[in-house]
């Protein structure tokens, strides 16, 4: 499963833009994903923190319960063509 952890009350334009960008990348690749808004689902924060080793920044992409990265990492993986392979290996594409 592909899970995008986000927030509906992003405090900065950078965070809002990063969430929008990661969604766009996933949609462009045709990847089905679950978006978990931590404002609406605060009980899922502990699972996110456990899988990411305590990383709190949003957005975060997790695949198969494994932390893949934040918005910058996802963009870098997309730019170098590795993101689709990571998602395909997880059986999500």
N, C-alpha and C. Protein backbone atom coordinates (compact mmCIF):
# COMPACT_ATOMS: atom_id res chain seq x y z
N UNK A 1 0.83 -1.18 0.00
CA UNK A 1 0.00 0.00 0.00
C UNK A 1 0.87 1.25 0.00
N UNK A 2 0.44 2.25 -0.70
CA UNK A 2 1.13 3.53 -0.76
C UNK A 2 0.36 4.52 0.09
N UNK A 3 1.04 5.11 1.06
CA UNK A 3 0.39 6.04 1.98
C UNK A 3 1.13 7.37 1.95
N UNK A 4 0.37 8.43 1.74
CA UNK A 4 0.91 9.78 1.78
C UNK A 4 0.39 10.45 3.05
N UNK A 5 1.30 10.72 3.97
CA UNK A 5 0.92 11.44 5.19
C UNK A 5 1.00 12.93 4.90
N UNK A 6 -0.07 13.65 5.24
CA UNK A 6 -0.15 15.08 4.94
C UNK A 6 -0.90 15.79 6.06
N UNK A 7 -1.17 17.06 5.81
CA UNK A 7 -1.96 17.85 6.76
C UNK A 7 -2.83 18.82 5.98
N UNK A 8 -4.03 19.02 6.45
CA UNK A 8 -4.93 19.96 5.79
C UNK A 8 -4.77 21.37 6.34
N UNK A 9 -3.95 21.52 7.36
CA UNK A 9 -3.73 22.85 7.93
C UNK A 9 -2.24 23.20 7.87
N UNK A 10 -1.66 23.06 6.68
CA UNK A 10 -0.26 23.40 6.50
C UNK A 10 -0.05 24.87 6.87
N UNK A 11 0.97 25.10 7.65
CA UNK A 11 1.20 26.45 8.15
C UNK A 11 1.98 27.33 7.17
N UNK A 12 2.60 26.74 6.18
CA UNK A 12 3.37 27.53 5.22
C UNK A 12 3.00 27.13 3.79
N UNK A 13 3.24 28.04 2.88
CA UNK A 13 3.01 27.75 1.46
C UNK A 13 3.93 26.64 0.99
N UNK A 14 5.13 26.56 1.57
CA UNK A 14 6.07 25.51 1.17
C UNK A 14 5.50 24.12 1.46
N UNK A 15 4.90 23.94 2.62
CA UNK A 15 4.32 22.64 2.97
C UNK A 15 3.14 22.34 2.07
N UNK A 16 2.26 23.31 1.86
CA UNK A 16 1.11 23.10 0.96
C UNK A 16 1.59 22.73 -0.44
N UNK A 17 2.60 23.45 -0.93
CA UNK A 17 3.13 23.18 -2.26
C UNK A 17 3.77 21.81 -2.34
N UNK A 18 4.46 21.40 -1.29
CA UNK A 18 5.12 20.09 -1.27
C UNK A 18 4.09 18.97 -1.32
N UNK A 19 3.01 19.11 -0.56
CA UNK A 19 1.95 18.10 -0.56
C UNK A 19 1.33 18.01 -1.94
N UNK A 20 1.02 19.14 -2.55
CA UNK A 20 0.43 19.17 -3.89
C UNK A 20 1.38 18.53 -4.89
N UNK A 21 2.66 18.81 -4.78
CA UNK A 21 3.64 18.26 -5.72
C UNK A 21 3.73 16.74 -5.62
N UNK A 22 3.79 16.21 -4.42
CA UNK A 22 3.88 14.75 -4.26
C UNK A 22 2.61 14.08 -4.80
N UNK A 23 1.45 14.66 -4.53
CA UNK A 23 0.20 14.12 -5.08
C UNK A 23 0.26 14.11 -6.61
N UNK A 24 0.74 15.19 -7.19
CA UNK A 24 0.83 15.29 -8.65
C UNK A 24 1.76 14.21 -9.21
N UNK A 25 2.90 13.99 -8.57
CA UNK A 25 3.83 12.95 -9.03
C UNK A 25 3.15 11.60 -9.00
N UNK A 26 2.49 11.26 -7.90
CA UNK A 26 1.83 9.96 -7.79
C UNK A 26 0.72 9.81 -8.83
N UNK A 27 -0.05 10.87 -9.04
CA UNK A 27 -1.14 10.81 -10.01
C UNK A 27 -0.61 10.70 -11.43
N UNK A 28 0.49 11.40 -11.73
CA UNK A 28 1.11 11.33 -13.05
C UNK A 28 1.59 9.91 -13.34
N UNK A 29 2.11 9.23 -12.30
CA UNK A 29 2.58 7.85 -12.46
C UNK A 29 1.43 6.84 -12.45
N UNK A 30 0.22 7.31 -12.15
CA UNK A 30 -0.93 6.41 -12.11
C UNK A 30 -0.94 5.52 -10.87
N UNK A 31 -0.38 6.03 -9.78
CA UNK A 31 -0.28 5.26 -8.54
C UNK A 31 -1.47 5.54 -7.64
N UNK A 32 -2.14 4.47 -7.22
CA UNK A 32 -3.23 4.61 -6.25
C UNK A 32 -2.59 4.75 -4.88
N UNK A 33 -3.08 5.71 -4.10
CA UNK A 33 -2.50 5.92 -2.78
C UNK A 33 -3.58 6.35 -1.80
N UNK A 34 -3.29 6.13 -0.54
CA UNK A 34 -4.17 6.59 0.53
C UNK A 34 -3.54 7.84 1.12
N UNK A 35 -4.30 8.90 1.19
CA UNK A 35 -3.81 10.10 1.84
C UNK A 35 -4.31 10.11 3.28
N UNK A 36 -3.39 10.23 4.22
CA UNK A 36 -3.73 10.29 5.63
C UNK A 36 -3.45 11.71 6.12
N UNK A 37 -4.53 12.45 6.35
CA UNK A 37 -4.44 13.80 6.88
C UNK A 37 -4.31 13.66 8.40
N UNK A 38 -3.14 14.01 8.93
CA UNK A 38 -2.90 13.80 10.36
C UNK A 38 -3.74 14.72 11.24
N UNK A 39 -4.31 15.77 10.68
CA UNK A 39 -5.23 16.61 11.45
C UNK A 39 -6.53 15.84 11.69
N UNK A 40 -6.98 15.12 10.67
CA UNK A 40 -8.22 14.35 10.77
C UNK A 40 -8.00 12.96 11.37
N UNK A 41 -6.77 12.46 11.28
CA UNK A 41 -6.45 11.11 11.77
C UNK A 41 -5.21 11.14 12.67
N UNK A 42 -5.28 11.86 13.79
CA UNK A 42 -4.09 11.99 14.64
C UNK A 42 -3.60 10.66 15.21
N UNK A 43 -4.47 9.68 15.28
CA UNK A 43 -4.07 8.37 15.83
C UNK A 43 -3.06 7.67 14.92
N UNK A 44 -2.94 8.09 13.66
CA UNK A 44 -2.00 7.44 12.73
C UNK A 44 -0.59 8.06 12.81
N UNK A 45 -0.44 9.13 13.57
CA UNK A 45 0.87 9.78 13.69
C UNK A 45 1.92 8.83 14.26
N UNK A 46 1.57 8.04 15.26
CA UNK A 46 2.55 7.14 15.88
C UNK A 46 3.09 6.14 14.88
N UNK A 47 2.23 5.60 14.03
CA UNK A 47 2.69 4.64 13.00
C UNK A 47 3.64 5.33 12.02
N UNK A 48 3.32 6.57 11.64
CA UNK A 48 4.17 7.31 10.73
C UNK A 48 5.54 7.54 11.36
N UNK A 49 5.55 8.00 12.61
CA UNK A 49 6.81 8.27 13.30
C UNK A 49 7.64 7.01 13.49
N UNK A 50 6.98 5.90 13.79
CA UNK A 50 7.70 4.64 13.98
C UNK A 50 8.36 4.19 12.68
N UNK A 51 7.62 4.28 11.58
CA UNK A 51 8.16 3.83 10.29
C UNK A 51 9.24 4.77 9.76
N UNK A 52 9.17 6.05 10.12
CA UNK A 52 10.14 7.01 9.58
C UNK A 52 11.32 7.25 10.51
N UNK A 53 11.37 6.54 11.61
CA UNK A 53 12.46 6.74 12.55
C UNK A 53 12.37 8.08 13.27
N UNK A 54 11.15 8.58 13.43
CA UNK A 54 10.95 9.82 14.17
C UNK A 54 10.88 11.08 13.32
N UNK A 55 10.94 10.93 11.99
CA UNK A 55 10.83 12.11 11.12
C UNK A 55 9.42 12.67 11.23
N UNK A 56 9.33 13.98 11.50
CA UNK A 56 8.03 14.60 11.72
C UNK A 56 7.56 15.45 10.55
N UNK A 57 8.46 15.79 9.63
CA UNK A 57 8.09 16.69 8.54
C UNK A 57 7.05 16.04 7.61
N UNK A 58 6.22 16.90 7.06
CA UNK A 58 5.18 16.47 6.12
C UNK A 58 5.37 17.20 4.81
N UNK A 59 5.02 16.59 3.69
CA UNK A 59 4.43 15.26 3.55
C UNK A 59 5.50 14.16 3.65
N UNK A 60 5.02 12.95 3.87
CA UNK A 60 5.88 11.77 3.87
C UNK A 60 5.22 10.69 3.03
N UNK A 61 6.04 9.98 2.27
CA UNK A 61 5.53 8.87 1.47
C UNK A 61 6.04 7.57 2.08
N UNK A 62 5.11 6.64 2.31
CA UNK A 62 5.43 5.32 2.84
C UNK A 62 4.89 4.29 1.85
N UNK A 63 5.68 3.27 1.59
CA UNK A 63 5.26 2.20 0.68
C UNK A 63 5.46 0.87 1.40
N UNK A 64 4.38 0.10 1.49
CA UNK A 64 4.46 -1.18 2.19
C UNK A 64 4.90 -1.04 3.63
N UNK A 65 4.50 0.07 4.27
CA UNK A 65 4.87 0.30 5.66
C UNK A 65 6.27 0.84 5.85
N UNK A 66 6.98 1.09 4.75
CA UNK A 66 8.36 1.57 4.81
C UNK A 66 8.43 3.03 4.38
N UNK A 67 9.15 3.83 5.15
CA UNK A 67 9.34 5.25 4.85
C UNK A 67 10.21 5.39 3.61
N UNK A 68 9.69 6.07 2.59
CA UNK A 68 10.45 6.31 1.36
C UNK A 68 11.12 7.67 1.41
N UNK A 69 10.38 8.68 1.88
CA UNK A 69 11.01 9.99 1.99
C UNK A 69 10.02 11.12 2.09
N UNK A 70 10.60 12.31 2.21
CA UNK A 70 9.81 13.53 2.25
C UNK A 70 9.64 14.06 0.83
N UNK A 71 9.09 15.24 0.70
CA UNK A 71 8.80 15.79 -0.63
C UNK A 71 10.06 15.93 -1.48
N UNK A 72 11.15 16.41 -0.89
CA UNK A 72 12.38 16.58 -1.65
C UNK A 72 12.92 15.25 -2.15
N UNK A 73 12.91 14.25 -1.29
CA UNK A 73 13.38 12.92 -1.68
C UNK A 73 12.52 12.34 -2.79
N UNK A 74 11.20 12.49 -2.68
CA UNK A 74 10.29 11.96 -3.70
C UNK A 74 10.56 12.65 -5.04
N UNK A 75 10.76 13.96 -5.01
CA UNK A 75 11.06 14.69 -6.25
C UNK A 75 12.38 14.21 -6.86
N UNK A 76 13.40 14.00 -6.03
CA UNK A 76 14.69 13.52 -6.52
C UNK A 76 14.56 12.13 -7.12
N UNK A 77 13.82 11.24 -6.46
CA UNK A 77 13.62 9.88 -6.98
C UNK A 77 12.86 9.93 -8.30
N UNK A 78 11.88 10.82 -8.41
CA UNK A 78 11.13 10.97 -9.66
C UNK A 78 12.04 11.50 -10.76
N UNK A 79 12.84 12.52 -10.44
CA UNK A 79 13.71 13.15 -11.44
C UNK A 79 14.73 12.16 -12.01
N UNK A 80 15.22 11.25 -11.19
CA UNK A 80 16.23 10.30 -11.67
C UNK A 80 15.61 8.98 -12.13
N UNK A 81 14.27 8.90 -12.12
CA UNK A 81 13.58 7.73 -12.66
C UNK A 81 13.50 6.54 -11.73
N UNK A 82 13.83 6.71 -10.47
CA UNK A 82 13.84 5.58 -9.55
C UNK A 82 12.51 5.37 -8.81
N UNK A 83 11.68 6.41 -8.73
CA UNK A 83 10.45 6.30 -7.94
C UNK A 83 9.52 5.22 -8.48
N UNK A 84 9.32 5.20 -9.78
CA UNK A 84 8.41 4.21 -10.37
C UNK A 84 8.87 2.79 -10.06
N UNK A 85 10.19 2.56 -10.09
CA UNK A 85 10.73 1.23 -9.79
C UNK A 85 10.48 0.86 -8.33
N UNK A 86 10.64 1.83 -7.43
CA UNK A 86 10.37 1.57 -6.00
C UNK A 86 8.91 1.20 -5.80
N UNK A 87 8.04 1.96 -6.45
CA UNK A 87 6.60 1.70 -6.32
C UNK A 87 6.22 0.38 -6.98
N UNK A 88 6.82 0.08 -8.12
CA UNK A 88 6.54 -1.18 -8.82
C UNK A 88 7.01 -2.36 -8.00
N UNK A 89 8.17 -2.23 -7.36
CA UNK A 89 8.69 -3.32 -6.54
C UNK A 89 7.77 -3.62 -5.37
N UNK A 90 7.05 -2.62 -4.95
CA UNK A 90 6.10 -2.79 -3.85
C UNK A 90 4.74 -3.27 -4.34
N UNK A 91 4.62 -3.45 -5.67
CA UNK A 91 3.38 -3.94 -6.24
C UNK A 91 2.26 -2.93 -6.27
N UNK A 92 2.64 -1.64 -6.37
CA UNK A 92 1.61 -0.60 -6.29
C UNK A 92 1.28 0.02 -7.63
N UNK A 93 1.97 -0.38 -8.69
CA UNK A 93 1.68 0.26 -9.98
C UNK A 93 1.07 -0.73 -10.95
